[in-house]
Protein backbone atom coordinates (compact mmCIF):
# COMPACT_ATOMS: atom_id res chain seq x y z
CA MET A 1 95.25 120.58 87.43
CA ASN A 2 96.22 118.39 84.56
CA ARG A 3 99.51 116.57 84.44
CA LYS A 4 101.27 118.91 81.88
CA ASP A 5 100.26 121.95 83.92
CA PHE A 6 101.57 120.26 87.02
CA LEU A 7 104.88 119.56 85.59
CA LYS A 8 105.18 123.23 84.37
CA LYS A 9 104.13 124.51 87.84
CA LEU A 10 106.97 122.60 89.40
CA SER A 11 109.48 124.01 86.88
CA ILE A 12 110.66 120.48 86.16
CA THR A 13 110.05 120.64 82.51
CA GLY A 14 113.63 121.76 82.07
CA THR A 15 114.94 119.10 84.37
CA LEU A 16 112.90 116.09 83.35
CA LEU A 17 111.93 116.68 79.73
CA THR A 18 114.47 119.15 78.09
CA LEU A 19 117.82 118.24 79.28
CA ALA A 20 120.08 120.03 76.92
CA LYS A 21 123.35 118.41 78.00
CA SER A 22 121.95 114.91 77.65
CA SER A 23 122.08 112.91 74.23
CA ASP A 24 118.84 112.31 72.55
CA SER A 25 120.06 108.95 71.45
CA PHE A 26 119.59 106.25 74.09
CA GLY A 27 122.19 103.67 74.27
CA GLN A 28 125.00 106.27 74.06
CA THR A 29 126.92 107.46 77.22
CA GLU A 30 125.31 110.58 78.59
CA SER A 31 127.03 113.17 80.61
CA ARG A 32 125.43 113.68 84.06
CA THR A 33 123.05 116.62 83.84
CA GLU A 34 123.06 119.10 86.61
CA VAL A 35 119.92 118.52 88.81
CA LYS A 36 117.84 121.65 89.47
CA ALA A 37 118.21 122.69 93.28
CA PRO A 38 114.92 121.72 95.11
CA THR A 39 112.51 124.29 96.08
CA LYS A 40 112.97 125.66 99.62
CA THR A 41 110.65 123.69 102.17
CA ASN A 42 107.92 125.37 103.85
CA PRO A 43 107.71 124.31 107.51
CA SER A 44 103.81 124.56 107.35
CA LYS A 45 103.58 122.30 104.48
CA LYS A 46 104.08 118.68 105.53
CA ALA A 47 103.40 115.55 103.58
CA ILE A 48 103.57 111.76 104.43
CA VAL A 49 104.32 109.07 101.67
CA LEU A 50 103.39 105.49 102.27
CA GLY A 51 105.72 103.07 100.43
CA GLY A 52 109.37 103.18 99.45
CA GLY A 53 109.10 101.76 96.08
CA LEU A 54 109.73 103.77 92.86
CA SER A 55 106.39 105.59 93.09
CA GLY A 56 106.70 106.41 96.56
CA LEU A 57 110.19 107.75 96.19
CA TYR A 58 109.17 109.71 93.08
CA ALA A 59 105.86 111.19 94.80
CA ALA A 60 108.19 112.07 97.90
CA TYR A 61 110.67 113.95 95.38
CA LEU A 62 107.85 115.83 93.70
CA LEU A 63 106.28 116.83 96.99
CA LYS A 64 109.69 118.18 98.01
CA GLN A 65 110.07 120.02 94.91
CA SER A 66 106.74 121.61 95.67
CA GLY A 67 108.15 122.80 99.04
CA TYR A 68 106.80 120.09 101.24
CA GLN A 69 108.60 118.60 104.18
CA VAL A 70 108.20 114.92 103.62
CA SER A 71 108.21 111.86 105.87
CA LEU A 72 108.37 108.42 103.98
CA VAL A 73 107.34 105.16 105.46
CA GLU A 74 108.59 101.83 104.20
CA ARG A 75 107.48 98.50 105.91
CA GLY A 76 110.59 96.80 104.36
CA GLU A 77 114.15 96.98 105.48
CA ARG A 78 115.25 98.73 102.25
CA LEU A 79 113.82 101.13 99.64
CA GLY A 80 113.07 100.14 96.05
CA GLY A 81 110.10 97.79 96.54
CA ARG A 82 109.83 95.70 93.34
CA ILE A 83 113.10 96.98 91.96
CA ALA A 84 116.25 95.10 92.96
CA THR A 85 119.72 94.59 91.35
CA PHE A 86 122.28 92.06 91.81
CA THR A 87 125.87 93.31 91.36
CA ASP A 88 129.12 91.32 91.90
CA LYS A 89 132.03 93.63 91.13
CA THR A 90 134.59 90.62 91.58
CA LEU A 91 132.76 88.56 88.77
CA GLY A 92 131.99 91.85 86.78
CA ILE A 93 128.26 90.88 86.66
CA THR A 94 125.14 93.07 87.01
CA GLN A 95 121.50 91.81 86.67
CA ASP A 96 118.12 93.10 87.55
CA LEU A 97 116.05 90.85 89.86
CA GLY A 98 112.92 93.13 89.79
CA GLY A 99 111.81 95.71 87.14
CA GLU A 100 114.11 95.20 84.24
CA TRP A 101 112.75 96.48 80.91
CA ILE A 102 111.72 99.91 79.54
CA GLY A 103 109.55 100.64 76.33
CA GLU A 104 110.19 103.19 73.66
CA GLY A 105 107.02 105.21 74.34
CA GLN A 106 107.62 105.25 78.20
CA SER A 107 108.55 108.85 78.46
CA ASP A 108 108.44 109.44 82.24
CA ILE A 109 110.89 106.69 83.09
CA LYS A 110 113.19 107.86 80.22
CA SER A 111 113.12 111.22 81.38
CA LEU A 112 114.06 110.22 84.96
CA THR A 113 116.91 108.17 83.90
CA LYS A 114 118.38 111.23 81.85
CA GLN A 115 117.94 113.40 85.03
CA LEU A 116 119.76 110.91 87.08
CA GLY A 117 122.57 110.54 84.44
CA LEU A 118 121.84 107.00 83.89
CA THR A 119 122.20 105.32 80.46
CA LEU A 120 119.59 103.28 78.62
CA LYS A 121 120.90 100.61 76.24
CA SER A 122 119.09 98.61 73.77
CA SER A 123 117.86 95.26 75.14
CA PRO A 124 119.16 92.15 73.29
CA LEU A 125 115.94 90.46 74.12
CA ALA A 126 113.67 92.96 72.67
CA ALA A 127 112.90 91.11 69.53
CA LYS A 128 111.72 88.14 71.68
CA PHE A 129 108.50 90.06 72.37
CA LYS A 130 107.69 91.45 68.98
CA LEU A 131 104.26 90.53 67.48
CA ARG A 132 105.61 90.07 64.02
CA ASN A 133 108.20 87.05 64.20
CA GLU A 134 110.84 88.60 61.84
CA GLY A 135 113.87 86.28 61.43
CA GLY A 136 112.20 83.63 63.85
CA THR A 137 113.49 85.46 66.80
CA SER A 138 110.24 86.17 68.62
CA LEU A 139 108.45 84.11 71.20
CA VAL A 140 105.24 84.65 69.42
CA ASN A 141 104.61 81.88 67.07
CA ILE A 142 101.53 82.65 64.97
CA SER A 143 100.53 82.78 61.39
CA PRO A 144 100.64 85.91 59.20
CA SER A 145 97.01 85.68 58.96
CA SER A 146 96.46 85.80 62.79
CA ILE A 147 98.90 88.60 62.89
CA GLU A 148 96.59 90.57 60.66
CA THR A 149 93.57 89.60 62.68
CA LEU A 150 95.34 90.88 65.82
CA GLU A 151 96.43 93.98 64.20
CA LYS A 152 92.96 94.75 62.86
CA VAL A 153 91.38 94.14 66.21
CA ILE A 154 94.02 96.47 67.87
CA GLU A 155 93.45 99.29 65.47
CA LEU A 156 89.69 98.89 65.76
CA HIS A 157 89.85 99.14 69.66
CA LYS A 158 91.33 102.58 69.33
CA SER A 159 87.87 103.92 68.12
CA LEU A 160 85.57 102.10 70.41
CA GLY A 161 83.19 103.90 72.73
CA GLU A 162 82.83 103.30 76.40
CA SER A 163 79.90 101.00 76.24
CA GLN A 164 81.80 98.83 73.67
CA LYS A 165 84.89 98.63 75.79
CA GLN A 166 82.71 97.74 78.76
CA GLY A 167 81.37 94.87 76.73
CA LEU A 168 84.93 93.55 75.78
CA ASP A 169 85.88 93.87 79.40
CA ARG A 170 83.52 90.94 80.21
CA ILE A 171 85.57 88.42 78.27
CA ASN A 172 88.96 87.08 79.00
CA PHE A 173 91.53 87.53 76.24
CA ALA A 174 92.08 83.99 75.60
CA ALA A 175 88.41 83.20 74.77
CA TYR A 176 88.22 86.60 72.65
CA ALA A 177 91.22 85.52 70.55
CA ARG A 178 89.73 82.02 69.75
CA TYR A 179 86.49 83.77 68.87
CA GLN A 180 88.52 85.87 66.34
CA GLY A 181 89.73 82.74 64.80
CA ILE A 182 93.27 82.46 66.40
CA ALA A 183 94.20 78.81 66.93
CA ASP A 184 94.68 77.32 70.44
CA GLU A 185 98.35 76.95 69.93
CA GLU A 186 98.76 80.39 68.76
CA VAL A 187 97.04 81.77 71.81
CA LYS A 188 99.40 79.54 73.84
CA SER A 189 102.31 81.22 72.18
CA ILE A 190 100.99 84.83 72.80
CA ASN A 191 100.32 83.64 76.42
CA GLU A 192 104.06 82.79 76.89
CA VAL A 193 104.97 86.32 76.11
CA TYR A 194 102.47 87.70 78.58
CA ARG A 195 103.45 85.39 81.18
CA VAL A 196 107.00 86.17 81.10
CA LEU A 197 106.39 90.03 81.17
CA LEU A 198 103.52 90.14 83.72
CA GLY A 199 103.40 86.69 85.48
CA GLY A 200 99.74 86.23 84.32
CA ASP A 201 97.84 84.10 82.20
CA LEU A 202 95.49 85.41 79.25
CA THR A 203 92.55 83.36 80.78
CA GLN A 204 92.95 85.89 83.85
CA ILE A 205 92.99 89.06 81.72
CA SER A 206 90.08 91.22 80.47
CA SER A 207 90.19 91.67 76.63
CA GLU A 208 89.70 95.33 77.05
CA SER A 209 92.73 95.52 79.33
CA LEU A 210 94.96 93.76 77.14
CA LEU A 211 93.79 95.25 73.79
CA SER A 212 94.49 98.75 75.48
CA ASP A 213 98.22 97.72 76.23
CA LEU A 214 98.61 96.17 72.91
CA SER A 215 97.48 99.46 71.27
CA SER A 216 99.89 101.76 73.37
CA GLN A 217 103.44 102.54 73.23
CA GLU A 218 103.65 102.81 76.89
CA SER A 219 102.51 99.36 77.90
CA ALA A 220 104.78 96.59 79.32
CA LEU A 221 104.34 94.46 76.28
CA ARG A 222 107.00 96.52 74.25
CA PRO A 223 110.31 96.27 76.24
CA GLU A 224 113.20 97.88 74.40
CA TYR A 225 115.81 99.04 76.78
CA PHE A 226 117.57 98.43 80.10
CA ILE A 227 119.15 100.69 82.53
CA SER A 228 123.12 100.20 82.26
CA GLY A 229 124.22 99.30 85.75
CA GLY A 230 120.84 98.18 87.11
CA ALA A 231 117.47 99.71 87.65
CA GLU A 232 118.37 100.04 91.43
CA ASN A 233 120.38 103.06 90.57
CA MET A 234 117.19 104.89 89.97
CA ILE A 235 116.39 104.10 93.61
CA LYS A 236 119.85 105.51 94.79
CA GLY A 237 119.45 108.53 92.64
CA LEU A 238 116.06 109.30 94.04
CA ALA A 239 117.19 108.84 97.65
CA GLU A 240 120.03 111.16 96.97
CA LEU A 241 117.79 113.81 95.56
CA LEU A 242 115.56 113.53 98.81
CA GLY A 243 118.66 114.09 100.95
CA PRO A 244 118.96 113.87 104.69
CA GLU A 245 116.02 116.51 105.28
CA THR A 246 113.43 113.82 104.18
CA GLU A 247 112.54 111.40 107.09
CA ILE A 248 112.69 107.89 106.13
CA SER A 249 111.23 105.23 108.22
CA LEU A 250 112.37 101.68 107.37
CA GLY A 251 111.21 98.33 108.69
CA ASP A 252 108.05 99.99 110.28
CA SER A 253 104.41 99.32 109.20
CA VAL A 254 101.40 101.57 109.34
CA THR A 255 98.73 100.38 111.60
CA LYS A 256 96.32 103.41 111.49
CA VAL A 257 95.68 106.49 109.38
CA SER A 258 93.37 109.11 111.01
CA GLN A 259 92.06 112.44 109.29
CA ILE A 260 90.91 115.31 111.46
CA LYS A 261 89.98 118.53 109.86
CA ASN A 262 92.95 119.64 107.94
CA SER A 263 95.47 117.26 109.05
CA VAL A 264 96.16 113.50 108.72
CA GLN A 265 98.00 111.17 111.31
CA VAL A 266 99.86 108.01 110.72
CA ASP A 267 100.46 105.66 113.52
CA LEU A 268 103.35 103.15 113.05
CA ALA A 269 103.75 99.62 114.60
CA SER A 270 106.76 100.88 116.49
CA GLY A 271 104.64 103.48 118.37
CA LYS A 272 105.75 106.34 116.27
CA VAL A 273 103.29 109.05 115.32
CA ILE A 274 103.63 111.18 112.28
CA LYS A 275 101.40 114.10 111.47
CA ALA A 276 101.14 115.98 108.18
CA ASN A 277 98.73 118.20 105.98
CA VAL A 278 98.45 115.60 103.14
CA LEU A 279 99.21 111.89 102.46
CA ILE A 280 100.09 109.93 99.25
CA CYS A 281 99.65 106.23 99.64
CA THR A 282 101.57 104.03 97.22
CA ILE A 283 101.39 100.78 98.77
CA PRO A 284 99.62 97.56 97.15
CA PRO A 285 95.80 97.61 97.52
CA GLN A 286 95.87 94.32 99.48
CA SER A 287 98.02 96.01 102.06
CA ILE A 288 95.82 99.12 102.23
CA LEU A 289 93.02 96.81 103.69
CA ASP A 290 95.38 95.85 106.60
CA ILE A 291 95.32 99.41 107.79
CA LYS A 292 92.74 100.86 110.15
CA TRP A 293 91.26 104.07 108.41
CA THR A 294 89.46 106.71 110.15
CA PRO A 295 87.05 107.67 108.67
CA SER A 296 86.60 104.54 106.81
CA LEU A 297 87.71 103.85 103.41
CA PRO A 298 85.10 104.42 100.84
CA LYS A 299 83.37 101.27 99.85
CA ASP A 300 84.29 101.58 96.26
CA ILE A 301 87.92 101.60 97.15
CA VAL A 302 87.46 98.52 99.47
CA TYR A 303 85.72 96.72 96.65
CA SER A 304 88.36 97.59 94.04
CA SER A 305 91.13 96.54 96.44
CA LEU A 306 89.31 93.03 96.76
CA ARG A 307 88.97 92.74 93.08
CA MET A 308 92.61 93.71 92.08
CA GLN A 309 94.85 90.86 91.39
CA SER A 310 98.66 90.48 90.85
CA GLY A 311 100.86 88.15 88.54
CA ARG A 312 102.94 85.85 90.73
CA LEU A 313 106.65 85.91 89.61
CA VAL A 314 110.01 84.61 91.00
CA LYS A 315 113.28 85.58 89.63
CA ASN A 316 116.33 83.61 90.73
CA LEU A 317 120.00 83.68 89.26
CA ILE A 318 122.35 80.95 88.47
CA LEU A 319 125.99 82.13 88.51
CA CYS A 320 127.95 79.98 86.10
CA LYS A 321 131.26 79.53 84.63
CA SER A 322 131.94 78.01 81.40
CA LYS A 323 134.63 77.03 78.76
CA GLU A 324 132.35 78.47 76.12
CA THR A 325 131.35 82.09 75.13
CA PHE A 326 127.69 82.78 75.71
CA SER A 327 125.68 85.69 74.24
CA PRO A 328 122.17 86.86 75.63
CA PHE A 329 119.22 84.53 74.98
CA LEU A 330 115.88 83.58 76.39
CA ASN A 331 114.33 80.05 76.42
CA VAL A 332 110.78 79.23 77.43
CA THR A 333 111.23 75.68 78.99
CA ASP A 334 109.29 72.86 80.54
CA THR A 335 111.61 72.92 83.40
CA PRO A 336 110.65 73.88 86.94
CA ALA A 337 112.38 77.11 86.23
CA GLN A 338 110.13 77.90 83.30
CA THR A 339 111.93 80.78 81.52
CA MET A 340 115.74 80.99 81.51
CA TYR A 341 117.55 83.83 79.99
CA LEU A 342 120.85 85.65 79.82
CA SER A 343 119.64 89.17 79.81
CA THR A 344 122.34 91.59 78.72
CA PRO A 345 126.10 91.87 78.14
CA GLU A 346 126.31 93.32 81.58
CA ALA A 347 125.38 89.59 83.08
CA ILE A 348 128.53 88.30 81.42
CA GLY A 349 131.71 88.79 83.29
CA GLU A 350 135.09 87.79 82.25
CA ASN A 351 135.06 84.42 83.72
CA ALA A 352 131.42 84.04 84.69
CA PHE A 353 127.82 84.85 83.70
CA ALA A 354 124.42 85.01 85.19
CA ILE A 355 121.30 82.99 84.12
CA THR A 356 118.14 84.45 85.20
CA THR A 357 115.30 82.19 85.84
CA LEU A 358 111.65 83.54 85.67
CA THR A 359 109.00 81.44 87.05
CA SER A 360 105.21 82.30 87.40
CA GLY A 361 102.15 80.92 88.75
CA ASP A 362 101.78 77.83 90.64
CA ARG A 363 105.45 77.00 89.98
CA ALA A 364 106.46 80.38 91.41
CA LEU A 365 104.58 79.30 94.70
CA LEU A 366 106.77 76.18 94.60
CA PHE A 367 109.95 78.16 94.68
CA GLU A 368 108.48 80.60 97.44
CA LYS A 369 107.78 77.71 99.74
CA ALA A 370 110.86 75.58 99.09
CA SER A 371 114.05 75.65 101.20
CA ASP A 372 117.10 76.96 99.74
CA ASN A 373 118.50 73.49 99.24
CA GLN A 374 115.29 72.38 97.50
CA ARG A 375 115.53 75.60 95.18
CA LYS A 376 119.14 74.63 94.21
CA VAL A 377 118.08 71.04 93.21
CA LEU A 378 115.21 72.62 91.12
CA LEU A 379 117.44 75.04 89.49
CA LYS A 380 120.28 72.56 88.70
CA LEU A 381 117.63 70.16 87.15
CA SER A 382 116.56 73.01 85.15
CA LEU A 383 119.98 73.81 83.83
CA GLN A 384 120.92 70.31 83.06
CA GLU A 385 117.83 69.73 80.82
CA GLN A 386 118.88 72.73 78.77
CA LYS A 387 121.19 71.47 75.85
CA GLN A 388 122.11 75.06 75.10
CA LEU A 389 123.44 75.31 78.62
CA GLU A 390 125.51 71.92 78.69
CA ALA A 391 128.96 73.82 79.13
CA ALA A 392 127.43 76.10 81.95
CA GLU A 393 128.69 75.01 85.32
CA PRO A 394 127.22 76.68 88.44
CA LEU A 395 129.82 78.47 90.70
CA GLU A 396 130.26 77.29 94.32
CA ASN A 397 127.51 79.25 96.21
CA GLY A 398 126.32 80.43 92.81
CA PHE A 399 122.61 80.41 93.43
CA ILE A 400 120.91 83.87 94.17
CA PHE A 401 117.40 83.57 95.46
CA HIS A 402 115.17 86.65 95.30
CA SER A 403 111.68 86.90 96.79
CA PHE A 404 109.26 89.81 96.20
CA LYS A 405 107.26 88.74 99.07
CA LYS A 406 110.22 89.06 101.51
CA HIS A 407 110.92 92.52 100.22
CA THR A 408 107.28 93.90 99.53
CA GLY A 409 105.04 91.56 101.69
CA HIS A 410 103.50 90.41 98.53
CA SER A 411 104.29 87.49 95.88
CA GLY A 412 102.56 89.60 93.14
CA PHE A 413 104.82 91.48 90.92
CA VAL A 414 102.43 93.24 88.33
CA SER A 415 98.80 94.22 88.82
CA LEU A 416 96.43 92.18 86.71
CA PHE A 417 92.90 93.12 85.71
CA PRO A 418 90.50 90.18 85.09
CA ALA A 419 87.23 90.14 83.07
CA GLY A 420 84.70 92.44 84.72
CA SER A 421 87.28 95.07 85.80
CA PHE A 422 86.18 98.04 83.74
CA GLY A 423 86.30 101.20 85.88
CA ILE A 424 87.89 99.44 88.70
CA LYS A 425 90.59 102.22 89.08
CA ASP A 426 88.19 105.14 88.96
CA PRO A 427 87.38 105.43 92.75
CA TRP A 428 91.10 105.81 93.50
CA PHE A 429 91.30 109.12 91.52
CA GLU A 430 88.92 110.91 93.85
CA SER A 431 90.76 112.41 96.87
CA TYR A 432 89.89 110.61 100.18
CA GLU A 433 89.88 113.85 101.98
CA ARG A 434 93.58 114.43 102.79
CA VAL A 435 94.70 111.23 101.19
CA PHE A 436 95.74 110.55 97.62
CA PHE A 437 96.53 107.21 96.08
CA ALA A 438 99.25 106.27 93.60
CA GLY A 439 101.03 103.11 92.49
CA GLU A 440 101.85 100.97 89.45
CA HIS A 441 98.36 99.40 89.79
CA LEU A 442 96.62 102.84 89.29
CA ALA A 443 98.50 103.84 86.08
CA LYS A 444 96.71 103.70 82.63
CA HIS A 445 99.04 100.86 81.58
CA SER A 446 100.10 98.84 84.55
CA GLY A 447 103.23 96.57 84.95
CA THR A 448 106.00 98.89 84.26
CA MET A 449 108.45 101.21 86.12
CA ASP A 450 106.99 104.01 83.86
CA ALA A 451 103.51 103.38 85.44
CA ALA A 452 104.88 103.89 89.00
CA LEU A 453 106.30 107.47 88.00
CA SER A 454 103.11 108.41 86.13
CA SER A 455 100.88 107.49 88.90
CA ALA A 456 102.93 109.50 91.33
CA ILE A 457 102.75 112.49 89.05
CA GLN A 458 98.96 112.24 88.76
CA ALA A 459 98.70 111.82 92.61
CA VAL A 460 100.66 114.89 93.42
CA SER A 461 99.05 116.90 90.70
CA ARG A 462 95.70 116.40 92.42
CA ILE A 463 96.79 118.09 95.85
């Protein structure tokens, strides 16, 4: 069953895609659309979902809509995975610490925000990631001739056959861009944008993977909007839709998954055992290898798990008071914090504002291993070295540290596909008896909240 037919079968086309009461113009306040009552569950239809991030929660919701009784297992103490929002009502500040931006062509995430009655607003930082540097606002600093070269290559990529794409996949994008005549400094400039969005380096990325992203409106490289009030409101909304009848196990990890005849059994570290008809696994590929599988995982899936990589990102906040008025900005710096930005007007309160620091690669590892006091020293140093922020004064206890590793078990934030990864996702799309796989890493374009949703749709449609 294809994705379109699956959505029709669930009768959620009306709730997800054609919400008559919602405004078609994002950025406008939308009235909450009445959510269609879920399908009555069938006691004989039971499903297990591994992973309580966006993909897992959405898969659980779709299964519930299909009549399944759902049990969801999350190893962390909270739902949301790589989505987290900092909110201080006293200061009047809201800022995302995980998934943050949404693209114009990301239809699944845009539909979900409508269904949940949330509002998308235009990101003040969207121009920073444009390929064409109109008005000098973009992080991309390359010549008009290099832009034309890139645009021609992107357009050509759309018509390539499988064998040609496989050839491109053997080359990393940094080397390919230089081969096309783009100067080293220009490649470095493009690299800064990629690093900010995905936490990776162009020497780590397959040319085929990046050109596929550059040619698509769905990719993470085209941020346009943010969710007013924070992306974590999606997690709360989905949890509410799942309701008390959905069994959710937090702070418990999976030790074993067994499949016998027409059933699947999950053993948890706590000793709890859950049985069902089907299972959807949305956990990161590295964690999948920590589970004992009976029968054993197919070799192609094991190999793919070992090959997949993740961009390392650390996001922290500096809450500041100032005598001056600040507006959203984004600076790529040589400081320990690397990238510093004021994301949206919602990060600016009446007497304070929140500066987000985004650190990747080896520097991110430094923040992960440092003590809280060492992190404060690094962030204070980064703040002091920015002339634009001379008037910013950190509040007492104004440092908010966030660790993806603490919440998800992995420091990686977004899936990256190095040279030689062509076809690496293919084994995951075949059912492994009663087990189906989903997650941001399995979407056509990884690195977005939209990818998490689309992978969940594809997995549930295969059941």
